[in-house]
Amino acid sequence: MIRVYFFAKIKEQLSLDFFDLDIKTPCTVFDIRKSLISEFNTYEKLFSIDYAICAVNQELSDEKKCVESNDEVAFFPPVTGG
């Protein structure tokens, strides 16, 4: 099981701060994204690679990043600053 944290619009849309995802580890960010889309199928866009950025242990991560059960995983929309 992996605890996945949500931020900004994703958090607002789901009305969740986090979700405990039942997934076999080790796995990849791609596997987590696919499982979240399956779990929250009406919110598929929120987890699409074109919309949601993933961080593992507070570092931006690509789809191939290996994730262990004790890792911190977070999804958030792209952000800009000024």
PDB file of N, CA and C in Angstrom:
ATOM      1  N   MET A   1       0.844  -1.180   0.000  1.00  0.00           N
ATOM      2  CA  MET A   1       0.000   0.000   0.000  1.00  0.00           C
ATOM      3  C   MET A   1       0.888   1.242   0.000  1.00  0.00           C
ATOM      4  N   ILE A   2       0.470   2.241  -0.756  1.00  0.00           N
ATOM      5  CA  ILE A   2       1.193   3.509  -0.843  1.00  0.00           C
ATOM      6  C   ILE A   2       0.223   4.641  -0.529  1.00  0.00           C
ATOM      7  N   ARG A   3       0.653   5.554   0.303  1.00  0.00           N
ATOM      8  CA  ARG A   3      -0.158   6.748   0.570  1.00  0.00           C
ATOM      9  C   ARG A   3       0.200   7.790  -0.486  1.00  0.00           C
ATOM     10  N   VAL A   4      -0.820   8.231  -1.218  1.00  0.00           N
ATOM     11  CA  VAL A   4      -0.646   9.216  -2.281  1.00  0.00           C
ATOM     12  C   VAL A   4      -1.307  10.516  -1.826  1.00  0.00           C
ATOM     13  N   TYR A   5      -0.543  11.600  -1.867  1.00  0.00           N
ATOM     14  CA  TYR A   5      -1.047  12.913  -1.455  1.00  0.00           C
ATOM     15  C   TYR A   5      -1.483  13.708  -2.679  1.00  0.00           C
ATOM     16  N   PHE A   6      -2.515  14.527  -2.508  1.00  0.00           N
ATOM     17  CA  PHE A   6      -3.043  15.356  -3.585  1.00  0.00           C
ATOM     18  C   PHE A   6      -2.962  16.823  -3.186  1.00  0.00           C
ATOM     19  N   PHE A   7      -2.696  17.681  -4.177  1.00  0.00           N
ATOM     20  CA  PHE A   7      -2.572  19.109  -3.925  1.00  0.00           C
ATOM     21  C   PHE A   7      -3.343  19.915  -4.967  1.00  0.00           C
ATOM     22  N   ALA A   8      -3.664  21.140  -4.586  1.00  0.00           N
ATOM     23  CA  ALA A   8      -4.299  22.134  -5.459  1.00  0.00           C
ATOM     24  C   ALA A   8      -5.601  21.595  -6.061  1.00  0.00           C
ATOM     25  N   LYS A   9      -5.776  21.761  -7.365  1.00  0.00           N
ATOM     26  CA  LYS A   9      -7.034  21.406  -8.031  1.00  0.00           C
ATOM     27  C   LYS A   9      -7.378  19.922  -7.869  1.00  0.00           C
ATOM     28  N   ILE A  10      -6.372  19.063  -7.858  1.00  0.00           N
ATOM     29  CA  ILE A  10      -6.642  17.631  -7.694  1.00  0.00           C
ATOM     30  C   ILE A  10      -7.275  17.384  -6.325  1.00  0.00           C
ATOM     31  N   LYS A  11      -6.697  17.981  -5.309  1.00  0.00           N
ATOM     32  CA  LYS A  11      -7.226  17.862  -3.942  1.00  0.00           C
ATOM     33  C   LYS A  11      -8.658  18.405  -3.867  1.00  0.00           C
ATOM     34  N   GLU A  12      -8.888  19.546  -4.506  1.00  0.00           N
ATOM     35  CA  GLU A  12     -10.220  20.160  -4.496  1.00  0.00           C
ATOM     36  C   GLU A  12     -11.254  19.283  -5.197  1.00  0.00           C
ATOM     37  N   GLN A  13     -10.906  18.769  -6.370  1.00  0.00           N
ATOM     38  CA  GLN A  13     -11.848  17.959  -7.146  1.00  0.00           C
ATOM     39  C   GLN A  13     -12.210  16.655  -6.433  1.00  0.00           C
ATOM     40  N   LEU A  14     -11.220  16.028  -5.810  1.00  0.00           N
ATOM     41  CA  LEU A  14     -11.453  14.749  -5.139  1.00  0.00           C
ATOM     42  C   LEU A  14     -11.981  14.909  -3.716  1.00  0.00           C
ATOM     43  N   SER A  15     -11.820  16.105  -3.165  1.00  0.00           N
ATOM     44  CA  SER A  15     -12.147  16.360  -1.752  1.00  0.00           C
ATOM     45  C   SER A  15     -11.380  15.413  -0.828  1.00  0.00           C
ATOM     46  N   LEU A  16     -10.124  15.173  -1.209  1.00  0.00           N
ATOM     47  CA  LEU A  16      -9.240  14.294  -0.437  1.00  0.00           C
ATOM     48  C   LEU A  16      -7.857  14.919  -0.315  1.00  0.00           C
ATOM     49  N   ASP A  17      -7.259  14.800   0.859  1.00  0.00           N
ATOM     50  CA  ASP A  17      -5.863  15.205   1.035  1.00  0.00           C
ATOM     51  C   ASP A  17      -4.924  14.094   0.588  1.00  0.00           C
ATOM     52  N   PHE A  18      -5.350  12.860   0.808  1.00  0.00           N
ATOM     53  CA  PHE A  18      -4.534  11.706   0.447  1.00  0.00           C
ATOM     54  C   PHE A  18      -5.433  10.499   0.215  1.00  0.00           C
ATOM     55  N   PHE A  19      -4.827   9.466  -0.376  1.00  0.00           N
ATOM     56  CA  PHE A  19      -5.536   8.221  -0.638  1.00  0.00           C
ATOM     57  C   PHE A  19      -4.551   7.081  -0.440  1.00  0.00           C
ATOM     58  N   ASP A  20      -4.959   6.050   0.294  1.00  0.00           N
ATOM     59  CA  ASP A  20      -4.120   4.868   0.472  1.00  0.00           C
ATOM     60  C   ASP A  20      -4.399   3.906  -0.673  1.00  0.00           C
ATOM     61  N   LEU A  21      -3.437   3.820  -1.579  1.00  0.00           N
ATOM     62  CA  LEU A  21      -3.588   3.021  -2.794  1.00  0.00           C
ATOM     63  C   LEU A  21      -3.082   1.608  -2.550  1.00  0.00           C
ATOM     64  N   ASP A  22      -3.945   0.645  -2.780  1.00  0.00           N
ATOM     65  CA  ASP A  22      -3.579  -0.760  -2.622  1.00  0.00           C
ATOM     66  C   ASP A  22      -2.898  -1.217  -3.905  1.00  0.00           C
ATOM     67  N   ILE A  23      -1.570  -1.226  -3.884  1.00  0.00           N
ATOM     68  CA  ILE A  23      -0.785  -1.581  -5.056  1.00  0.00           C
ATOM     69  C   ILE A  23       0.460  -2.333  -4.600  1.00  0.00           C
ATOM     70  N   LYS A  24       0.852  -3.305  -5.381  1.00  0.00           N
ATOM     71  CA  LYS A  24       2.036  -4.097  -5.049  1.00  0.00           C
ATOM     72  C   LYS A  24       3.293  -3.262  -5.298  1.00  0.00           C
ATOM     73  N   THR A  25       4.222  -3.307  -4.361  1.00  0.00           N
ATOM     74  CA  THR A  25       5.483  -2.587  -4.510  1.00  0.00           C
ATOM     75  C   THR A  25       6.637  -3.581  -4.555  1.00  0.00           C
ATOM     76  N   PRO A  26       7.746  -3.224  -5.206  1.00  0.00           N
ATOM     77  CA  PRO A  26       7.966  -1.942  -5.869  1.00  0.00           C
ATOM     78  C   PRO A  26       7.128  -1.828  -7.141  1.00  0.00           C
ATOM     79  N   CYS A  27       6.855  -0.587  -7.492  1.00  0.00           N
ATOM     80  CA  CYS A  27       6.115  -0.282  -8.711  1.00  0.00           C
ATOM     81  C   CYS A  27       6.698   1.001  -9.293  1.00  0.00           C
ATOM     82  N   THR A  28       6.107   1.490 -10.360  1.00  0.00           N
ATOM     83  CA  THR A  28       6.580   2.732 -10.975  1.00  0.00           C
ATOM     84  C   THR A  28       5.518   3.818 -10.839  1.00  0.00           C
ATOM     85  N   VAL A  29       5.926   5.037 -11.094  1.00  0.00           N
ATOM     86  CA  VAL A  29       4.973   6.147 -11.120  1.00  0.00           C
ATOM     87  C   VAL A  29       3.886   5.854 -12.156  1.00  0.00           C
ATOM     88  N   PHE A  30       4.274   5.286 -13.282  1.00  0.00           N
ATOM     89  CA  PHE A  30       3.298   4.922 -14.313  1.00  0.00           C
ATOM     90  C   PHE A  30       2.239   3.978 -13.743  1.00  0.00           C
ATOM     91  N   ASP A  31       2.673   2.970 -12.985  1.00  0.00           N
ATOM     92  CA  ASP A  31       1.736   2.017 -12.382  1.00  0.00           C
ATOM     93  C   ASP A  31       0.782   2.711 -11.414  1.00  0.00           C
ATOM     94  N   ILE A  32       1.313   3.631 -10.627  1.00  0.00           N
ATOM     95  CA  ILE A  32       0.485   4.368  -9.666  1.00  0.00           C
ATOM     96  C   ILE A  32      -0.532   5.226 -10.396  1.00  0.00           C
ATOM     97  N   ARG A  33      -0.060   5.938 -11.424  1.00  0.00           N
ATOM     98  CA  ARG A  33      -0.958   6.799 -12.208  1.00  0.00           C
ATOM     99  C   ARG A  33      -2.093   5.965 -12.814  1.00  0.00           C
ATOM    100  N   LYS A  34      -1.736   4.813 -13.392  1.00  0.00           N
ATOM    101  CA  LYS A  34      -2.724   3.928 -14.010  1.00  0.00           C
ATOM    102  C   LYS A  34      -3.737   3.429 -12.965  1.00  0.00           C
ATOM    103  N   SER A  35      -3.265   3.087 -11.783  1.00  0.00           N
ATOM    104  CA  SER A  35      -4.155   2.619 -10.714  1.00  0.00           C
ATOM    105  C   SER A  35      -5.077   3.727 -10.218  1.00  0.00           C
ATOM    106  N   LEU A  36      -4.554   4.944 -10.126  1.00  0.00           N
ATOM    107  CA  LEU A  36      -5.385   6.073  -9.696  1.00  0.00           C
ATOM    108  C   LEU A  36      -6.470   6.378 -10.725  1.00  0.00           C
ATOM    109  N   ILE A  37      -6.120   6.294 -11.999  1.00  0.00           N
ATOM    110  CA  ILE A  37      -7.113   6.509 -13.058  1.00  0.00           C
ATOM    111  C   ILE A  37      -8.204   5.446 -12.966  1.00  0.00           C
ATOM    112  N   SER A  38      -7.818   4.225 -12.672  1.00  0.00           N
ATOM    113  CA  SER A  38      -8.800   3.153 -12.517  1.00  0.00           C
ATOM    114  C   SER A  38      -9.678   3.382 -11.282  1.00  0.00           C
ATOM    115  N   GLU A  39      -9.062   3.811 -10.201  1.00  0.00           N
ATOM    116  CA  GLU A  39      -9.781   4.040  -8.941  1.00  0.00           C
ATOM    117  C   GLU A  39     -10.740   5.231  -9.028  1.00  0.00           C
ATOM    118  N   PHE A  40     -10.285   6.297  -9.689  1.00  0.00           N
ATOM    119  CA  PHE A  40     -11.074   7.535  -9.800  1.00  0.00           C
ATOM    120  C   PHE A  40     -11.410   7.794 -11.267  1.00  0.00           C
ATOM    121  N   ASN A  41     -12.046   6.842 -11.922  1.00  0.00           N
ATOM    122  CA  ASN A  41     -12.226   6.914 -13.372  1.00  0.00           C
ATOM    123  C   ASN A  41     -12.988   8.136 -13.860  1.00  0.00           C
ATOM    124  N   THR A  42     -13.858   8.710 -13.058  1.00  0.00           N
ATOM    125  CA  THR A  42     -14.558   9.912 -13.511  1.00  0.00           C
ATOM    126  C   THR A  42     -13.644  11.138 -13.483  1.00  0.00           C
ATOM    127  N   TYR A  43     -12.485  11.008 -12.860  1.00  0.00           N
ATOM    128  CA  TYR A  43     -11.511  12.102 -12.794  1.00  0.00           C
ATOM    129  C   TYR A  43     -10.230  11.749 -13.543  1.00  0.00           C
ATOM    130  N   GLU A  44     -10.363  10.962 -14.591  1.00  0.00           N
ATOM    131  CA  GLU A  44      -9.197  10.484 -15.341  1.00  0.00           C
ATOM    132  C   GLU A  44      -8.251  11.616 -15.739  1.00  0.00           C
ATOM    133  N   LYS A  45      -8.800  12.738 -16.191  1.00  0.00           N
ATOM    134  CA  LYS A  45      -7.974  13.860 -16.643  1.00  0.00           C
ATOM    135  C   LYS A  45      -7.045  14.363 -15.537  1.00  0.00           C
ATOM    136  N   LEU A  46      -7.512  14.338 -14.292  1.00  0.00           N
ATOM    137  CA  LEU A  46      -6.703  14.839 -13.179  1.00  0.00           C
ATOM    138  C   LEU A  46      -5.381  14.098 -13.034  1.00  0.00           C
ATOM    139  N   PHE A  47      -5.352  12.839 -13.450  1.00  0.00           N
ATOM    140  CA  PHE A  47      -4.139  12.037 -13.294  1.00  0.00           C
ATOM    141  C   PHE A  47      -3.399  11.808 -14.605  1.00  0.00           C
ATOM    142  N   SER A  48      -3.878  12.419 -15.690  1.00  0.00           N
ATOM    143  CA  SER A  48      -3.212  12.228 -16.980  1.00  0.00           C
ATOM    144  C   SER A  48      -1.813  12.835 -16.938  1.00  0.00           C
ATOM    145  N   ILE A  49      -0.923  12.271 -17.711  1.00  0.00           N
ATOM    146  CA  ILE A  49       0.465  12.742 -17.736  1.00  0.00           C
ATOM    147  C   ILE A  49       0.540  14.177 -18.250  1.00  0.00           C
ATOM    148  N   ASP A  50      -0.452  14.595 -19.033  1.00  0.00           N
ATOM    149  CA  ASP A  50      -0.475  15.963 -19.548  1.00  0.00           C
ATOM    150  C   ASP A  50      -0.938  16.972 -18.505  1.00  0.00           C
ATOM    151  N   TYR A  51      -1.540  16.491 -17.410  1.00  0.00           N
ATOM    152  CA  TYR A  51      -2.084  17.407 -16.412  1.00  0.00           C
ATOM    153  C   TYR A  51      -1.371  17.327 -15.064  1.00  0.00           C
ATOM    154  N   ALA A  52      -1.174  16.134 -14.559  1.00  0.00           N
ATOM    155  CA  ALA A  52      -0.651  15.982 -13.197  1.00  0.00           C
ATOM    156  C   ALA A  52       0.847  15.698 -13.178  1.00  0.00           C
ATOM    157  N   ILE A  53       1.527  16.400 -12.318  1.00  0.00           N
ATOM    158  CA  ILE A  53       2.947  16.178 -12.073  1.00  0.00           C
ATOM    159  C   ILE A  53       3.050  15.282 -10.846  1.00  0.00           C
ATOM    160  N   CYS A  54       4.029  14.394 -10.865  1.00  0.00           N
ATOM    161  CA  CYS A  54       4.219  13.503  -9.725  1.00  0.00           C
ATOM    162  C   CYS A  54       5.567  13.779  -9.070  1.00  0.00           C
ATOM    163  N   ALA A  55       5.564  13.749  -7.757  1.00  0.00           N
ATOM    164  CA  ALA A  55       6.802  13.851  -6.983  1.00  0.00           C
ATOM    165  C   ALA A  55       6.891  12.627  -6.077  1.00  0.00           C
ATOM    166  N   VAL A  56       8.089  12.069  -6.010  1.00  0.00           N
ATOM    167  CA  VAL A  56       8.355  10.959  -5.102  1.00  0.00           C
ATOM    168  C   VAL A  56       9.415  11.432  -4.127  1.00  0.00           C
ATOM    169  N   ASN A  57       9.102  11.364  -2.863  1.00  0.00           N
ATOM    170  CA  ASN A  57      10.000  11.861  -1.813  1.00  0.00           C
ATOM    171  C   ASN A  57      10.415  13.308  -2.070  1.00  0.00           C
ATOM    172  N   GLN A  58       9.440  14.108  -2.477  1.00  0.00           N
ATOM    173  CA  GLN A  58       9.569  15.549  -2.698  1.00  0.00           C
ATOM    174  C   GLN A  58      10.515  15.921  -3.841  1.00  0.00           C
ATOM    175  N   GLU A  59      10.695  14.987  -4.795  1.00  0.00           N
ATOM    176  CA  GLU A  59      11.473  15.266  -6.002  1.00  0.00           C
ATOM    177  C   GLU A  59      10.615  14.939  -7.215  1.00  0.00           C
ATOM    178  N   LEU A  60      10.578  15.857  -8.187  1.00  0.00           N
ATOM    179  CA  LEU A  60       9.823  15.590  -9.408  1.00  0.00           C
ATOM    180  C   LEU A  60      10.308  14.287 -10.015  1.00  0.00           C
ATOM    181  N   SER A  61       9.366  13.473 -10.471  1.00  0.00           N
ATOM    182  CA  SER A  61       9.713  12.134 -10.942  1.00  0.00           C
ATOM    183  C   SER A  61       9.056  11.838 -12.276  1.00  0.00           C
ATOM    184  N   ASP A  62       9.768  11.061 -13.093  1.00  0.00           N
ATOM    185  CA  ASP A  62       9.189  10.650 -14.368  1.00  0.00           C
ATOM    186  C   ASP A  62       8.432   9.333 -14.176  1.00  0.00           C
ATOM    187  N   GLU A  63       7.834   8.861 -15.246  1.00  0.00           N
ATOM    188  CA  GLU A  63       6.972   7.685 -15.190  1.00  0.00           C
ATOM    189  C   GLU A  63       7.717   6.397 -14.840  1.00  0.00           C
ATOM    190  N   LYS A  64       9.028   6.373 -15.047  1.00  0.00           N
ATOM    191  CA  LYS A  64       9.818   5.164 -14.804  1.00  0.00           C
ATOM    192  C   LYS A  64      10.359   5.071 -13.384  1.00  0.00           C
ATOM    193  N   LYS A  65      10.155   6.110 -12.602  1.00  0.00           N
ATOM    194  CA  LYS A  65      10.677   6.143 -11.233  1.00  0.00           C
ATOM    195  C   LYS A  65      10.122   4.974 -10.421  1.00  0.00           C
ATOM    196  N   CYS A  66      11.019   4.241  -9.774  1.00  0.00           N
ATOM    197  CA  CYS A  66      10.623   3.122  -8.925  1.00  0.00           C
ATOM    198  C   CYS A  66      10.136   3.656  -7.577  1.00  0.00           C
ATOM    199  N   VAL A  67       9.025   3.120  -7.113  1.00  0.00           N
ATOM    200  CA  VAL A  67       8.421   3.556  -5.855  1.00  0.00           C
ATOM    201  C   VAL A  67       8.312   2.362  -4.911  1.00  0.00           C
ATOM    202  N   GLU A  68       8.767   2.567  -3.682  1.00  0.00           N
ATOM    203  CA  GLU A  68       8.682   1.546  -2.636  1.00  0.00           C
ATOM    204  C   GLU A  68       7.530   1.896  -1.690  1.00  0.00           C
ATOM    205  N   SER A  69       7.143   0.965  -0.852  1.00  0.00           N
ATOM    206  CA  SER A  69       5.976   1.161   0.014  1.00  0.00           C
ATOM    207  C   SER A  69       6.131   2.297   1.017  1.00  0.00           C
ATOM    208  N   ASN A  70       7.344   2.643   1.411  1.00  0.00           N
ATOM    209  CA  ASN A  70       7.528   3.717   2.395  1.00  0.00           C
ATOM    210  C   ASN A  70       7.806   5.078   1.760  1.00  0.00           C
ATOM    211  N   ASP A  71       7.762   5.158   0.433  1.00  0.00           N
ATOM    212  CA  ASP A  71       8.013   6.425  -0.256  1.00  0.00           C
ATOM    213  C   ASP A  71       6.802   7.353  -0.154  1.00  0.00           C
ATOM    214  N   GLU A  72       7.074   8.645  -0.184  1.00  0.00           N
ATOM    215  CA  GLU A  72       6.015   9.656  -0.209  1.00  0.00           C
ATOM    216  C   GLU A  72       5.735  10.006  -1.666  1.00  0.00           C
ATOM    217  N   VAL A  73       4.492   9.862  -2.083  1.00  0.00           N
ATOM    218  CA  VAL A  73       4.098  10.137  -3.465  1.00  0.00           C
ATOM    219  C   VAL A  73       3.058  11.248  -3.451  1.00  0.00           C
ATOM    220  N   ALA A  74       3.222  12.211  -4.359  1.00  0.00           N
ATOM    221  CA  ALA A  74       2.277  13.330  -4.426  1.00  0.00           C
ATOM    222  C   ALA A  74       1.971  13.665  -5.879  1.00  0.00           C
ATOM    223  N   PHE A  75       0.724  14.043  -6.136  1.00  0.00           N
ATOM    224  CA  PHE A  75       0.301  14.494  -7.458  1.00  0.00           C
ATOM    225  C   PHE A  75      -0.249  15.907  -7.341  1.00  0.00           C
ATOM    226  N   PHE A  76       0.137  16.746  -8.288  1.00  0.00           N
ATOM    227  CA  PHE A  76      -0.338  18.128  -8.306  1.00  0.00           C
ATOM    228  C   PHE A  76      -0.309  18.643  -9.732  1.00  0.00           C
ATOM    229  N   PRO A  77      -1.150  19.638 -10.032  1.00  0.00           N
ATOM    230  CA  PRO A  77      -1.166  20.205 -11.382  1.00  0.00           C
ATOM    231  C   PRO A  77       0.076  21.062 -11.602  1.00  0.00           C
ATOM    232  N   PRO A  78       0.393  21.343 -12.869  1.00  0.00           N
ATOM    233  CA  PRO A  78       1.527  22.225 -13.150  1.00  0.00           C
ATOM    234  C   PRO A  78       1.329  23.578 -12.471  1.00  0.00           C
ATOM    235  N   VAL A  79       2.396  24.156 -12.011  1.00  0.00           N
ATOM    236  CA  VAL A  79       2.328  25.455 -11.343  1.00  0.00           C
ATOM    237  C   VAL A  79       3.281  26.424 -12.026  1.00  0.00           C
ATOM    238  N   THR A  80       2.942  27.686 -11.949  1.00  0.00           N
ATOM    239  CA  THR A  80       3.833  28.726 -12.447  1.00  0.00           C
ATOM    240  C   THR A  80       3.983  29.759 -11.355  1.00  0.00           C
ATOM    241  N   GLY A  81       5.032  30.460 -11.429  1.00  0.00           N
ATOM    242  CA  GLY A  81       5.273  31.490 -10.424  1.00  0.00           C
ATOM    243  C   GLY A  81       5.758  32.759 -11.085  1.00  0.00           C
ATOM    244  N   GLY A  82       5.849  33.758 -10.303  1.00  0.00           N
ATOM    245  CA  GLY A  82       6.283  35.015 -10.895  1.00  0.00           C
ATOM    246  C   GLY A  82       7.055  35.828  -9.907  1.00  0.00           C
TER     247      GLY A  82
END
